[in-house]
Amino acid sequence: MRIGSPLYLVESREPCWKCHKPQRVIALATARVDDDDMNTMDGGPENEPLLFKNVESLDPVLEQWLATHEPHYRRHFSRQAGMEYFANMCPGCGANFGDHFLHEAGGGVFPDGAGRG
């Protein structure tokens, strides 16, 4: 998959499922993607940003930037998902927020969701 610019960093606040403290969570999004299912690289106003979830790998430069500026968003093995992917980790207790719950309707980074926190 090729991802074009701009790449957006979407943020929200969600209560941690484990310690219940509100935390800042992020997701990556873009309106420019080229893969087997779609090509929106030409952009245009009709292209809405697409949120990425279950991100297994990133460009090394982006990965380093995230490690420096968003250290709570990092690779983590999820037993529930059965895979390793970049996820939001609670800075308070270390719990994985899980992309499934953040990206579902009403979740913190769902485009039409108001969030829960």
PDB file of N, CA and C in Angstrom:
ATOM      1  N   MET A   1       0.842  -1.173   0.000  1.00  0.00           N
ATOM      2  CA  MET A   1       0.000   0.000   0.000  1.00  0.00           C
ATOM      3  C   MET A   1       0.887   1.235   0.000  1.00  0.00           C
ATOM      4  N   ARG A   2       0.553   2.181  -0.828  1.00  0.00           N
ATOM      5  CA  ARG A   2       1.221   3.483  -0.834  1.00  0.00           C
ATOM      6  C   ARG A   2       0.294   4.482  -0.164  1.00  0.00           C
ATOM      7  N   ILE A   3       0.879   5.336   0.669  1.00  0.00           N
ATOM      8  CA  ILE A   3       0.120   6.369   1.364  1.00  0.00           C
ATOM      9  C   ILE A   3       0.680   7.709   0.946  1.00  0.00           C
ATOM     10  N   GLY A   4      -0.209   8.597   0.506  1.00  0.00           N
ATOM     11  CA  GLY A   4       0.211   9.927   0.094  1.00  0.00           C
ATOM     12  C   GLY A   4       0.067  10.933   1.218  1.00  0.00           C
ATOM     13  N   SER A   5       0.607  12.109   0.981  1.00  0.00           N
ATOM     14  CA  SER A   5       0.491  13.170   1.976  1.00  0.00           C
ATOM     15  C   SER A   5      -0.702  14.064   1.619  1.00  0.00           C
ATOM     16  N   PRO A   6      -1.265  14.733   2.570  1.00  0.00           N
ATOM     17  CA  PRO A   6      -0.812  14.797   3.953  1.00  0.00           C
ATOM     18  C   PRO A   6      -1.268  13.576   4.762  1.00  0.00           C
ATOM     19  N   LEU A   7      -0.489  13.265   5.767  1.00  0.00           N
ATOM     20  CA  LEU A   7      -0.837  12.241   6.740  1.00  0.00           C
ATOM     21  C   LEU A   7      -1.292  12.985   7.991  1.00  0.00           C
ATOM     22  N   TYR A   8      -2.468  12.636   8.485  1.00  0.00           N
ATOM     23  CA  TYR A   8      -3.036  13.320   9.644  1.00  0.00           C
ATOM     24  C   TYR A   8      -2.819  12.509  10.905  1.00  0.00           C
ATOM     25  N   LEU A   9      -2.625  13.211  12.003  1.00  0.00           N
ATOM     26  CA  LEU A   9      -2.606  12.603  13.315  1.00  0.00           C
ATOM     27  C   LEU A   9      -3.901  13.054  13.997  1.00  0.00           C
ATOM     28  N   VAL A  10      -4.804  12.112  14.224  1.00  0.00           N
ATOM     29  CA  VAL A  10      -6.101  12.390  14.824  1.00  0.00           C
ATOM     30  C   VAL A  10      -5.985  12.086  16.310  1.00  0.00           C
ATOM     31  N   GLU A  11      -6.526  12.943  17.137  1.00  0.00           N
ATOM     32  CA  GLU A  11      -6.437  12.703  18.568  1.00  0.00           C
ATOM     33  C   GLU A  11      -7.787  12.860  19.244  1.00  0.00           C
ATOM     34  N   SER A  12      -7.908  12.189  20.379  1.00  0.00           N
ATOM     35  CA  SER A  12      -9.110  12.259  21.200  1.00  0.00           C
ATOM     36  C   SER A  12      -8.713  11.904  22.623  1.00  0.00           C
ATOM     37  N   ARG A  13      -9.686  11.897  23.509  1.00  0.00           N
ATOM     38  CA  ARG A  13      -9.468  11.448  24.882  1.00  0.00           C
ATOM     39  C   ARG A  13     -10.428  10.301  25.146  1.00  0.00           C
ATOM     40  N   GLU A  14      -9.897   9.269  25.775  1.00  0.00           N
ATOM     41  CA  GLU A  14     -10.683   8.076  26.102  1.00  0.00           C
ATOM     42  C   GLU A  14     -10.350   7.627  27.514  1.00  0.00           C
ATOM     43  N   PRO A  15     -11.330   7.115  28.242  1.00  0.00           N
ATOM     44  CA  PRO A  15     -10.990   6.532  29.543  1.00  0.00           C
ATOM     45  C   PRO A  15     -10.329   5.175  29.326  1.00  0.00           C
ATOM     46  N   CYS A  16      -9.278   4.913  30.079  1.00  0.00           N
ATOM     47  CA  CYS A  16      -8.621   3.616  30.008  1.00  0.00           C
ATOM     48  C   CYS A  16      -9.571   2.553  30.545  1.00  0.00           C
ATOM     49  N   TRP A  17      -9.672   1.429  29.865  1.00  0.00           N
ATOM     50  CA  TRP A  17     -10.568   0.362  30.295  1.00  0.00           C
ATOM     51  C   TRP A  17     -10.118  -0.264  31.615  1.00  0.00           C
ATOM     52  N   LYS A  18      -8.821  -0.122  31.921  1.00  0.00           N
ATOM     53  CA  LYS A  18      -8.284  -0.774  33.118  1.00  0.00           C
ATOM     54  C   LYS A  18      -8.254   0.158  34.335  1.00  0.00           C
ATOM     55  N   CYS A  19      -7.629   1.343  34.188  1.00  0.00           N
ATOM     56  CA  CYS A  19      -7.509   2.262  35.333  1.00  0.00           C
ATOM     57  C   CYS A  19      -8.575   3.363  35.312  1.00  0.00           C
ATOM     58  N   HIS A  20      -9.307   3.479  34.201  1.00  0.00           N
ATOM     59  CA  HIS A  20     -10.427   4.419  34.039  1.00  0.00           C
ATOM     60  C   HIS A  20     -10.020   5.887  33.983  1.00  0.00           C
ATOM     61  N   LYS A  21      -8.725   6.177  33.948  1.00  0.00           N
ATOM     62  CA  LYS A  21      -8.279   7.564  33.840  1.00  0.00           C
ATOM     63  C   LYS A  21      -8.368   8.004  32.387  1.00  0.00           C
ATOM     64  N   PRO A  22      -8.886   9.223  32.130  1.00  0.00           N
ATOM     65  CA  PRO A  22      -8.921   9.717  30.749  1.00  0.00           C
ATOM     66  C   PRO A  22      -7.507   9.901  30.207  1.00  0.00           C
ATOM     67  N   GLN A  23      -7.283   9.427  28.996  1.00  0.00           N
ATOM     68  CA  GLN A  23      -5.968   9.523  28.367  1.00  0.00           C
ATOM     69  C   GLN A  23      -6.120  10.022  26.936  1.00  0.00           C
ATOM     70  N   ARG A  24      -5.085  10.659  26.436  1.00  0.00           N
ATOM     71  CA  ARG A  24      -5.038  11.090  25.040  1.00  0.00           C
ATOM     72  C   ARG A  24      -4.722   9.872  24.183  1.00  0.00           C
ATOM     73  N   VAL A  25      -5.494   9.667  23.114  1.00  0.00           N
ATOM     74  CA  VAL A  25      -5.248   8.583  22.166  1.00  0.00           C
ATOM     75  C   VAL A  25      -5.133   9.186  20.772  1.00  0.00           C
ATOM     76  N   ILE A  26      -4.404   8.493  19.895  1.00  0.00           N
ATOM     77  CA  ILE A  26      -4.204   9.001  18.534  1.00  0.00           C
ATOM     78  C   ILE A  26      -4.484   7.910  17.506  1.00  0.00           C
ATOM     79  N   ALA A  27      -4.644   8.357  16.271  1.00  0.00           N
ATOM     80  CA  ALA A  27      -4.735   7.465  15.113  1.00  0.00           C
ATOM     81  C   ALA A  27      -4.119   8.212  13.933  1.00  0.00           C
ATOM     82  N   LEU A  28      -3.727   7.470  12.917  1.00  0.00           N
ATOM     83  CA  LEU A  28      -3.195   8.052  11.684  1.00  0.00           C
ATOM     84  C   LEU A  28      -4.267   7.978  10.613  1.00  0.00           C
ATOM     85  N   ALA A  29      -4.306   8.999   9.740  1.00  0.00           N
ATOM     86  CA  ALA A  29      -5.309   9.042   8.684  1.00  0.00           C
ATOM     87  C   ALA A  29      -4.746   9.769   7.471  1.00  0.00           C
ATOM     88  N   THR A  30      -5.303   9.461   6.304  1.00  0.00           N
ATOM     89  CA  THR A  30      -4.983  10.175   5.072  1.00  0.00           C
ATOM     90  C   THR A  30      -6.149  10.014   4.104  1.00  0.00           C
ATOM     91  N   ALA A  31      -6.227  10.901   3.136  1.00  0.00           N
ATOM     92  CA  ALA A  31      -7.227  10.784   2.068  1.00  0.00           C
ATOM     93  C   ALA A  31      -6.588  10.241   0.796  1.00  0.00           C
ATOM     94  N   ARG A  32      -5.300   9.942   0.844  1.00  0.00           N
ATOM     95  CA  ARG A  32      -4.573   9.502  -0.353  1.00  0.00           C
ATOM     96  C   ARG A  32      -3.945   8.135  -0.132  1.00  0.00           C
ATOM     97  N   VAL A  33      -4.562   7.132  -0.764  1.00  0.00           N
ATOM     98  CA  VAL A  33      -4.139   5.737  -0.626  1.00  0.00           C
ATOM     99  C   VAL A  33      -4.128   5.093  -2.001  1.00  0.00           C
ATOM    100  N   ASP A  34      -3.162   4.215  -2.231  1.00  0.00           N
ATOM    101  CA  ASP A  34      -3.126   3.422  -3.448  1.00  0.00           C
ATOM    102  C   ASP A  34      -2.834   1.977  -3.057  1.00  0.00           C
ATOM    103  N   ASP A  35      -3.825   1.116  -3.217  1.00  0.00           N
ATOM    104  CA  ASP A  35      -3.637  -0.309  -2.963  1.00  0.00           C
ATOM    105  C   ASP A  35      -4.525  -1.101  -3.916  1.00  0.00           C
ATOM    106  N   ASP A  36      -4.681  -2.375  -3.664  1.00  0.00           N
ATOM    107  CA  ASP A  36      -5.454  -3.229  -4.572  1.00  0.00           C
ATOM    108  C   ASP A  36      -6.931  -2.852  -4.639  1.00  0.00           C
ATOM    109  N   ASP A  37      -7.471  -2.256  -3.570  1.00  0.00           N
ATOM    110  CA  ASP A  37      -8.900  -1.955  -3.507  1.00  0.00           C
ATOM    111  C   ASP A  37      -9.269  -0.553  -3.963  1.00  0.00           C
ATOM    112  N   MET A  38      -8.350   0.406  -3.862  1.00  0.00           N
ATOM    113  CA  MET A  38      -8.688   1.784  -4.227  1.00  0.00           C
ATOM    114  C   MET A  38      -7.450   2.579  -4.562  1.00  0.00           C
ATOM    115  N   ASN A  39      -7.673   3.655  -5.309  1.00  0.00           N
ATOM    116  CA  ASN A  39      -6.618   4.606  -5.606  1.00  0.00           C
ATOM    117  C   ASN A  39      -7.208   5.997  -5.469  1.00  0.00           C
ATOM    118  N   THR A  40      -6.845   6.681  -4.405  1.00  0.00           N
ATOM    119  CA  THR A  40      -7.323   8.047  -4.165  1.00  0.00           C
ATOM    120  C   THR A  40      -6.148   9.019  -4.128  1.00  0.00           C
ATOM    121  N   MET A  41      -5.053   8.670  -4.806  1.00  0.00           N
ATOM    122  CA  MET A  41      -3.846   9.497  -4.766  1.00  0.00           C
ATOM    123  C   MET A  41      -4.057  10.873  -5.394  1.00  0.00           C
ATOM    124  N   ASP A  42      -5.037  10.993  -6.300  1.00  0.00           N
ATOM    125  CA  ASP A  42      -5.269  12.290  -6.927  1.00  0.00           C
ATOM    126  C   ASP A  42      -5.938  13.275  -5.977  1.00  0.00           C
ATOM    127  N   GLY A  43      -6.421  12.793  -4.840  1.00  0.00           N
ATOM    128  CA  GLY A  43      -7.001  13.672  -3.825  1.00  0.00           C
ATOM    129  C   GLY A  43      -8.320  14.253  -4.279  1.00  0.00           C
ATOM    130  N   GLY A  44      -8.569  15.463  -3.874  1.00  0.00           N
ATOM    131  CA  GLY A  44      -9.813  16.127  -4.206  1.00  0.00           C
ATOM    132  C   GLY A  44     -10.686  16.287  -2.977  1.00  0.00           C
ATOM    133  N   PRO A  45     -11.617  17.215  -3.036  1.00  0.00           N
ATOM    134  CA  PRO A  45     -12.450  17.513  -1.867  1.00  0.00           C
ATOM    135  C   PRO A  45     -13.399  16.380  -1.485  1.00  0.00           C
ATOM    136  N   GLU A  46     -13.713  15.488  -2.419  1.00  0.00           N
ATOM    137  CA  GLU A  46     -14.649  14.405  -2.114  1.00  0.00           C
ATOM    138  C   GLU A  46     -13.988  13.262  -1.336  1.00  0.00           C
ATOM    139  N   ASN A  47     -12.678  13.261  -1.264  1.00  0.00           N
ATOM    140  CA  ASN A  47     -11.970  12.197  -0.549  1.00  0.00           C
ATOM    141  C   ASN A  47     -11.909  12.505   0.940  1.00  0.00           C
ATOM    142  N   GLU A  48     -12.621  11.716   1.714  1.00  0.00           N
ATOM    143  CA  GLU A  48     -12.582  11.867   3.161  1.00  0.00           C
ATOM    144  C   GLU A  48     -11.388  11.098   3.706  1.00  0.00           C
ATOM    145  N   PRO A  49     -10.799  11.591   4.767  1.00  0.00           N
ATOM    146  CA  PRO A  49      -9.669  10.851   5.359  1.00  0.00           C
ATOM    147  C   PRO A  49     -10.075   9.452   5.802  1.00  0.00           C
ATOM    148  N   LEU A  50      -9.169   8.522   5.602  1.00  0.00           N
ATOM    149  CA  LEU A  50      -9.356   7.143   6.028  1.00  0.00           C
ATOM    150  C   LEU A  50      -8.488   6.914   7.257  1.00  0.00           C
ATOM    151  N   LEU A  51      -9.088   6.383   8.317  1.00  0.00           N
ATOM    152  CA  LEU A  51      -8.331   6.066   9.521  1.00  0.00           C
ATOM    153  C   LEU A  51      -7.647   4.719   9.355  1.00  0.00           C
ATOM    154  N   PHE A  52      -6.409   4.629   9.792  1.00  0.00           N
ATOM    155  CA  PHE A  52      -5.687   3.370   9.750  1.00  0.00           C
ATOM    156  C   PHE A  52      -5.795   2.676  11.096  1.00  0.00           C
ATOM    157  N   LYS A  53      -6.082   1.388  11.081  1.00  0.00           N
ATOM    158  CA  LYS A  53      -6.057   0.614  12.314  1.00  0.00           C
ATOM    159  C   LYS A  53      -5.293  -0.672  12.059  1.00  0.00           C
ATOM    160  N   ASN A  54      -4.845  -1.291  13.138  1.00  0.00           N
ATOM    161  CA  ASN A  54      -4.030  -2.502  13.058  1.00  0.00           C
ATOM    162  C   ASN A  54      -2.806  -2.277  12.175  1.00  0.00           C
ATOM    163  N   VAL A  55      -2.137  -1.147  12.375  1.00  0.00           N
ATOM    164  CA  VAL A  55      -0.949  -0.780  11.595  1.00  0.00           C
ATOM    165  C   VAL A  55       0.211  -1.662  12.045  1.00  0.00           C
ATOM    166  N   GLU A  56       0.683  -2.514  11.131  1.00  0.00           N
ATOM    167  CA  GLU A  56       1.745  -3.457  11.466  1.00  0.00           C
ATOM    168  C   GLU A  56       3.140  -2.893  11.256  1.00  0.00           C
ATOM    169  N   SER A  57       3.299  -1.962  10.321  1.00  0.00           N
ATOM    170  CA  SER A  57       4.616  -1.377  10.076  1.00  0.00           C
ATOM    171  C   SER A  57       4.453   0.055   9.587  1.00  0.00           C
ATOM    172  N   LEU A  58       5.509   0.836   9.793  1.00  0.00           N
ATOM    173  CA  LEU A  58       5.536   2.235   9.382  1.00  0.00           C
ATOM    174  C   LEU A  58       6.867   2.547   8.742  1.00  0.00           C
ATOM    175  N   ASP A  59       6.897   3.605   7.969  1.00  0.00           N
ATOM    176  CA  ASP A  59       8.152   4.118   7.439  1.00  0.00           C
ATOM    177  C   ASP A  59       9.066   4.407   8.635  1.00  0.00           C
ATOM    178  N   PRO A  60      10.348   4.045   8.570  1.00  0.00           N
ATOM    179  CA  PRO A  60      11.248   4.245   9.716  1.00  0.00           C
ATOM    180  C   PRO A  60      11.311   5.689  10.223  1.00  0.00           C
ATOM    181  N   VAL A  61      11.226   6.661   9.329  1.00  0.00           N
ATOM    182  CA  VAL A  61      11.276   8.066   9.752  1.00  0.00           C
ATOM    183  C   VAL A  61      10.024   8.411  10.563  1.00  0.00           C
ATOM    184  N   LEU A  62       8.860   7.960  10.100  1.00  0.00           N
ATOM    185  CA  LEU A  62       7.624   8.200  10.832  1.00  0.00           C
ATOM    186  C   LEU A  62       7.630   7.451  12.161  1.00  0.00           C
ATOM    187  N   GLU A  63       8.121   6.226  12.139  1.00  0.00           N
ATOM    188  CA  GLU A  63       8.185   5.441  13.375  1.00  0.00           C
ATOM    189  C   GLU A  63       9.069   6.140  14.411  1.00  0.00           C
ATOM    190  N   GLN A  64      10.196   6.698  13.991  1.00  0.00           N
ATOM    191  CA  GLN A  64      11.083   7.411  14.914  1.00  0.00           C
ATOM    192  C   GLN A  64      10.414   8.686  15.429  1.00  0.00           C
ATOM    193  N   TRP A  65       9.712   9.409  14.548  1.00  0.00           N
ATOM    194  CA  TRP A  65       9.019  10.629  14.977  1.00  0.00           C
ATOM    195  C   TRP A  65       7.966  10.291  16.029  1.00  0.00           C
ATOM    196  N   LEU A  66       7.198   9.226  15.783  1.00  0.00           N
ATOM    197  CA  LEU A  66       6.176   8.816  16.745  1.00  0.00           C
ATOM    198  C   LEU A  66       6.807   8.381  18.068  1.00  0.00           C
ATOM    199  N   ALA A  67       7.918   7.670  18.016  1.00  0.00           N
ATOM    200  CA  ALA A  67       8.596   7.239  19.239  1.00  0.00           C
ATOM    201  C   ALA A  67       9.027   8.441  20.077  1.00  0.00           C
ATOM    202  N   THR A  68       9.428   9.524  19.418  1.00  0.00           N
ATOM    203  CA  THR A  68       9.870  10.722  20.110  1.00  0.00           C
ATOM    204  C   THR A  68       8.699  11.568  20.615  1.00  0.00           C
ATOM    205  N   HIS A  69       7.689  11.765  19.754  1.00  0.00           N
ATOM    206  CA  HIS A  69       6.606  12.703  20.057  1.00  0.00           C
ATOM    207  C   HIS A  69       5.326  12.061  20.600  1.00  0.00           C
ATOM    208  N   GLU A  70       5.121  10.805  20.332  1.00  0.00           N
ATOM    209  CA  GLU A  70       3.917  10.084  20.770  1.00  0.00           C
ATOM    210  C   GLU A  70       4.323   8.731  21.357  1.00  0.00           C
ATOM    211  N   PRO A  71       5.114   8.730  22.436  1.00  0.00           N
ATOM    212  CA  PRO A  71       5.666   7.466  22.938  1.00  0.00           C
ATOM    213  C   PRO A  71       4.622   6.471  23.435  1.00  0.00           C
ATOM    214  N   HIS A  72       3.410   6.926  23.707  1.00  0.00           N
ATOM    215  CA  HIS A  72       2.354   5.999  24.139  1.00  0.00           C
ATOM    216  C   HIS A  72       1.753   5.223  22.964  1.00  0.00           C
ATOM    217  N   TYR A  73       2.093   5.597  21.733  1.00  0.00           N
ATOM    218  CA  TYR A  73       1.630   4.898  20.521  1.00  0.00           C
ATOM    219  C   TYR A  73       2.806   4.078  20.010  1.00  0.00           C
ATOM    220  N   ARG A  74       2.757   2.770  20.231  1.00  0.00           N
ATOM    221  CA  ARG A  74       3.911   1.937  19.876  1.00  0.00           C
ATOM    222  C   ARG A  74       3.458   0.521  19.538  1.00  0.00           C
ATOM    223  N   ARG A  75       4.395  -0.245  18.982  1.00  0.00           N
ATOM    224  CA  ARG A  75       4.107  -1.645  18.634  1.00  0.00           C
ATOM    225  C   ARG A  75       3.822  -2.435  19.898  1.00  0.00           C
ATOM    226  N   HIS A  76       2.799  -3.259  19.811  1.00  0.00           N
ATOM    227  CA  HIS A  76       2.382  -4.050  20.966  1.00  0.00           C
ATOM    228  C   HIS A  76       1.713  -5.317  20.453  1.00  0.00           C
ATOM    229  N   PHE A  77       1.984  -6.452  21.092  1.00  0.00           N
ATOM    230  CA  PHE A  77       1.287  -7.678  20.731  1.00  0.00           C
ATOM    231  C   PHE A  77      -0.032  -7.722  21.476  1.00  0.00           C
ATOM    232  N   SER A  78      -1.119  -7.857  20.727  1.00  0.00           N
ATOM    233  CA  SER A  78      -2.454  -7.956  21.301  1.00  0.00           C
ATOM    234  C   SER A  78      -2.900  -9.409  21.250  1.00  0.00           C
ATOM    235  N   ARG A  79      -3.148  -9.983  22.417  1.00  0.00           N
ATOM    236  CA  ARG A  79      -3.654 -11.364  22.450  1.00  0.00           C
ATOM    237  C   ARG A  79      -5.030 -11.439  21.803  1.00  0.00           C
ATOM    238  N   GLN A  80      -5.858 -10.411  22.042  1.00  0.00           N
ATOM    239  CA  GLN A  80      -7.209 -10.424  21.480  1.00  0.00           C
ATOM    240  C   GLN A  80      -7.172 -10.374  19.956  1.00  0.00           C
ATOM    241  N   ALA A  81      -6.314  -9.519  19.391  1.00  0.00           N
ATOM    242  CA  ALA A  81      -6.208  -9.417  17.935  1.00  0.00           C
ATOM    243  C   ALA A  81      -5.342 -10.534  17.362  1.00  0.00           C
ATOM    244  N   GLY A  82      -4.490 -11.136  18.186  1.00  0.00           N
ATOM    245  CA  GLY A  82      -3.611 -12.199  17.725  1.00  0.00           C
ATOM    246  C   GLY A  82      -2.505 -11.709  16.812  1.00  0.00           C
ATOM    247  N   MET A  83      -2.089 -10.454  17.001  1.00  0.00           N
ATOM    248  CA  MET A  83      -1.061  -9.869  16.148  1.00  0.00           C
ATOM    249  C   MET A  83      -0.377  -8.715  16.872  1.00  0.00           C
ATOM    250  N   GLU A  84       0.770  -8.315  16.327  1.00  0.00           N
ATOM    251  CA  GLU A  84       1.485  -7.152  16.827  1.00  0.00           C
ATOM    252  C   GLU A  84       1.167  -5.979  15.916  1.00  0.00           C
ATOM    253  N   TYR A  85       0.806  -4.854  16.509  1.00  0.00           N
ATOM    254  CA  TYR A  85       0.514  -3.658  15.725  1.00  0.00           C
ATOM    255  C   TYR A  85       0.739  -2.417  16.583  1.00  0.00           C
ATOM    256  N   PHE A  86       0.776  -1.254  15.952  1.00  0.00           N
ATOM    257  CA  PHE A  86       0.937   0.000  16.675  1.00  0.00           C
ATOM    258  C   PHE A  86      -0.376   0.308  17.377  1.00  0.00           C
ATOM    259  N   ALA A  87      -0.280   0.566  18.686  1.00  0.00           N
ATOM    260  CA  ALA A  87      -1.480   0.789  19.488  1.00  0.00           C
ATOM    261  C   ALA A  87      -1.203   1.854  20.537  1.00  0.00           C
ATOM    262  N   ASN A  88      -2.270   2.446  21.020  1.00  0.00           N
ATOM    263  CA  ASN A  88      -2.194   3.385  22.121  1.00  0.00           C
ATOM    264  C   ASN A  88      -2.091   2.608  23.421  1.00  0.00           C
ATOM    265  N   MET A  89      -1.101   2.954  24.215  1.00  0.00           N
ATOM    266  CA  MET A  89      -0.900   2.313  25.510  1.00  0.00           C
ATOM    267  C   MET A  89      -1.157   3.353  26.598  1.00  0.00           C
ATOM    268  N   CYS A  90      -1.852   2.965  27.640  1.00  0.00           N
ATOM    269  CA  CYS A  90      -2.151   3.875  28.738  1.00  0.00           C
ATOM    270  C   CYS A  90      -0.855   4.270  29.434  1.00  0.00           C
ATOM    271  N   PRO A  91      -0.536   5.567  29.504  1.00  0.00           N
ATOM    272  CA  PRO A  91       0.689   5.970  30.187  1.00  0.00           C
ATOM    273  C   PRO A  91       0.625   5.756  31.699  1.00  0.00           C
ATOM    274  N   GLY A  92      -0.578   5.594  32.228  1.00  0.00           N
ATOM    275  CA  GLY A  92      -0.729   5.384  33.662  1.00  0.00           C
ATOM    276  C   GLY A  92      -0.508   3.944  34.089  1.00  0.00           C
ATOM    277  N   CYS A  93      -1.196   3.002  33.418  1.00  0.00           N
ATOM    278  CA  CYS A  93      -1.129   1.596  33.856  1.00  0.00           C
ATOM    279  C   CYS A  93      -0.562   0.654  32.799  1.00  0.00           C
ATOM    280  N   GLY A  94      -0.324   1.150  31.565  1.00  0.00           N
ATOM    281  CA  GLY A  94       0.270   0.327  30.518  1.00  0.00           C
ATOM    282  C   GLY A  94      -0.704  -0.512  29.716  1.00  0.00           C
ATOM    283  N   ALA A  95      -2.011  -0.383  29.965  1.00  0.00           N
ATOM    284  CA  ALA A  95      -3.002  -1.175  29.230  1.00  0.00           C
ATOM    285  C   ALA A  95      -3.075  -0.749  27.761  1.00  0.00           C
ATOM    286  N   ASN A  96      -3.361  -1.705  26.881  1.00  0.00           N
ATOM    287  CA  ASN A  96      -3.551  -1.462  25.453  1.00  0.00           C
ATOM    288  C   ASN A  96      -4.980  -0.987  25.232  1.00  0.00           C
ATOM    289  N   PHE A  97      -5.146   0.153  24.569  1.00  0.00           N
ATOM    290  CA  PHE A  97      -6.491   0.647  24.285  1.00  0.00           C
ATOM    291  C   PHE A  97      -7.199  -0.202  23.236  1.00  0.00           C
ATOM    292  N   GLY A  98      -6.474  -0.797  22.316  1.00  0.00           N
ATOM    293  CA  GLY A  98      -7.074  -1.658  21.298  1.00  0.00           C
ATOM    294  C   GLY A  98      -7.751  -0.862  20.201  1.00  0.00           C
ATOM    295  N   ASP A  99      -7.276  -1.009  18.964  1.00  0.00           N
ATOM    296  CA  ASP A  99      -7.844  -0.274  17.836  1.00  0.00           C
ATOM    297  C   ASP A  99      -9.317  -0.588  17.610  1.00  0.00           C
ATOM    298  N   HIS A 100      -9.717  -1.824  17.837  1.00  0.00           N
ATOM    299  CA  HIS A 100     -11.109  -2.198  17.577  1.00  0.00           C
ATOM    300  C   HIS A 100     -12.069  -1.267  18.311  1.00  0.00           C
ATOM    301  N   PHE A 101     -11.799  -1.010  19.584  1.00  0.00           N
ATOM    302  CA  PHE A 101     -12.708  -0.194  20.383  1.00  0.00           C
ATOM    303  C   PHE A 101     -12.584   1.293  20.078  1.00  0.00           C
ATOM    304  N   LEU A 102     -11.407   1.756  19.701  1.00  0.00           N
ATOM    305  CA  LEU A 102     -11.242   3.168  19.361  1.00  0.00           C
ATOM    306  C   LEU A 102     -11.857   3.514  18.020  1.00  0.00           C
ATOM    307  N   HIS A 103     -11.912   2.545  17.106  1.00  0.00           N
ATOM    308  CA  HIS A 103     -12.371   2.812  15.745  1.00  0.00           C
ATOM    309  C   HIS A 103     -13.830   2.440  15.512  1.00  0.00           C
ATOM    310  N   GLU A 104     -14.500   1.852  16.489  1.00  0.00           N
ATOM    311  CA  GLU A 104     -15.906   1.497  16.315  1.00  0.00           C
ATOM    312  C   GLU A 104     -16.776   2.741  16.503  1.00  0.00           C
ATOM    313  N   ALA A 105     -18.032   2.680  16.066  1.00  0.00           N
ATOM    314  CA  ALA A 105     -18.957   3.801  16.236  1.00  0.00           C
ATOM    315  C   ALA A 105     -19.021   4.188  17.708  1.00  0.00           C
ATOM    316  N   GLY A 106     -18.811   5.461  17.977  1.00  0.00           N
ATOM    317  CA  GLY A 106     -18.811   5.956  19.345  1.00  0.00           C
ATOM    318  C   GLY A 106     -17.443   5.931  19.994  1.00  0.00           C
ATOM    319  N   GLY A 107     -16.471   5.289  19.331  1.00  0.00           N
ATOM    320  CA  GLY A 107     -15.109   5.250  19.860  1.00  0.00           C
ATOM    321  C   GLY A 107     -14.428   6.594  19.688  1.00  0.00           C
ATOM    322  N   GLY A 108     -13.348   6.777  20.398  1.00  0.00           N
ATOM    323  CA  GLY A 108     -12.664   8.062  20.448  1.00  0.00           C
ATOM    324  C   GLY A 108     -12.177   8.614  19.128  1.00  0.00           C
ATOM    325  N   VAL A 109     -11.732   7.766  18.199  1.00  0.00           N
ATOM    326  CA  VAL A 109     -11.204   8.283  16.933  1.00  0.00           C
ATOM    327  C   VAL A 109     -12.121   7.978  15.755  1.00  0.00           C
ATOM    328  N   PHE A 110     -13.320   7.442  16.017  1.00  0.00           N
ATOM    329  CA  PHE A 110     -14.278   7.193  14.936  1.00  0.00           C
ATOM    330  C   PHE A 110     -14.733   8.548  14.398  1.00  0.00           C
ATOM    331  N   PRO A 111     -14.721   8.745  13.060  1.00  0.00           N
ATOM    332  CA  PRO A 111     -15.000  10.077  12.510  1.00  0.00           C
ATOM    333  C   PRO A 111     -16.311  10.695  12.965  1.00  0.00           C
ATOM    334  N   ASP A 112     -17.366   9.912  13.136  1.00  0.00           N
ATOM    335  CA  ASP A 112     -18.645  10.466  13.536  1.00  0.00           C
ATOM    336  C   ASP A 112     -18.928  10.261  15.016  1.00  0.00           C
ATOM    337  N   GLY A 113     -17.977   9.677  15.717  1.00  0.00           N
ATOM    338  CA  GLY A 113     -18.205   9.389  17.134  1.00  0.00           C
ATOM    339  C   GLY A 113     -17.858  10.589  17.996  1.00  0.00           C
ATOM    340  N   ALA A 114     -18.561  10.735  19.066  1.00  0.00           N
ATOM    341  CA  ALA A 114     -18.291  11.820  19.993  1.00  0.00           C
ATOM    342  C   ALA A 114     -17.268  11.405  21.033  1.00  0.00           C
ATOM    343  N   GLY A 115     -16.886  10.148  21.006  1.00  0.00           N
ATOM    344  CA  GLY A 115     -15.955   9.637  22.003  1.00  0.00           C
ATOM    345  C   GLY A 115     -16.688   9.306  23.289  1.00  0.00           C
ATOM    346  N   ARG A 116     -15.952   8.694  24.176  1.00  0.00           N
ATOM    347  CA  ARG A 116     -16.552   8.303  25.447  1.00  0.00           C
ATOM    348  C   ARG A 116     -15.915   9.018  26.613  1.00  0.00           C
ATOM    349  N   GLY A 117     -14.884   9.821  26.353  1.00  0.00           N
ATOM    350  CA  GLY A 117     -14.172  10.405  27.484  1.00  0.00           C
ATOM    351  C   GLY A 117     -14.113  11.890  27.469  1.00  0.00           C
TER     352      GLY A 117
END
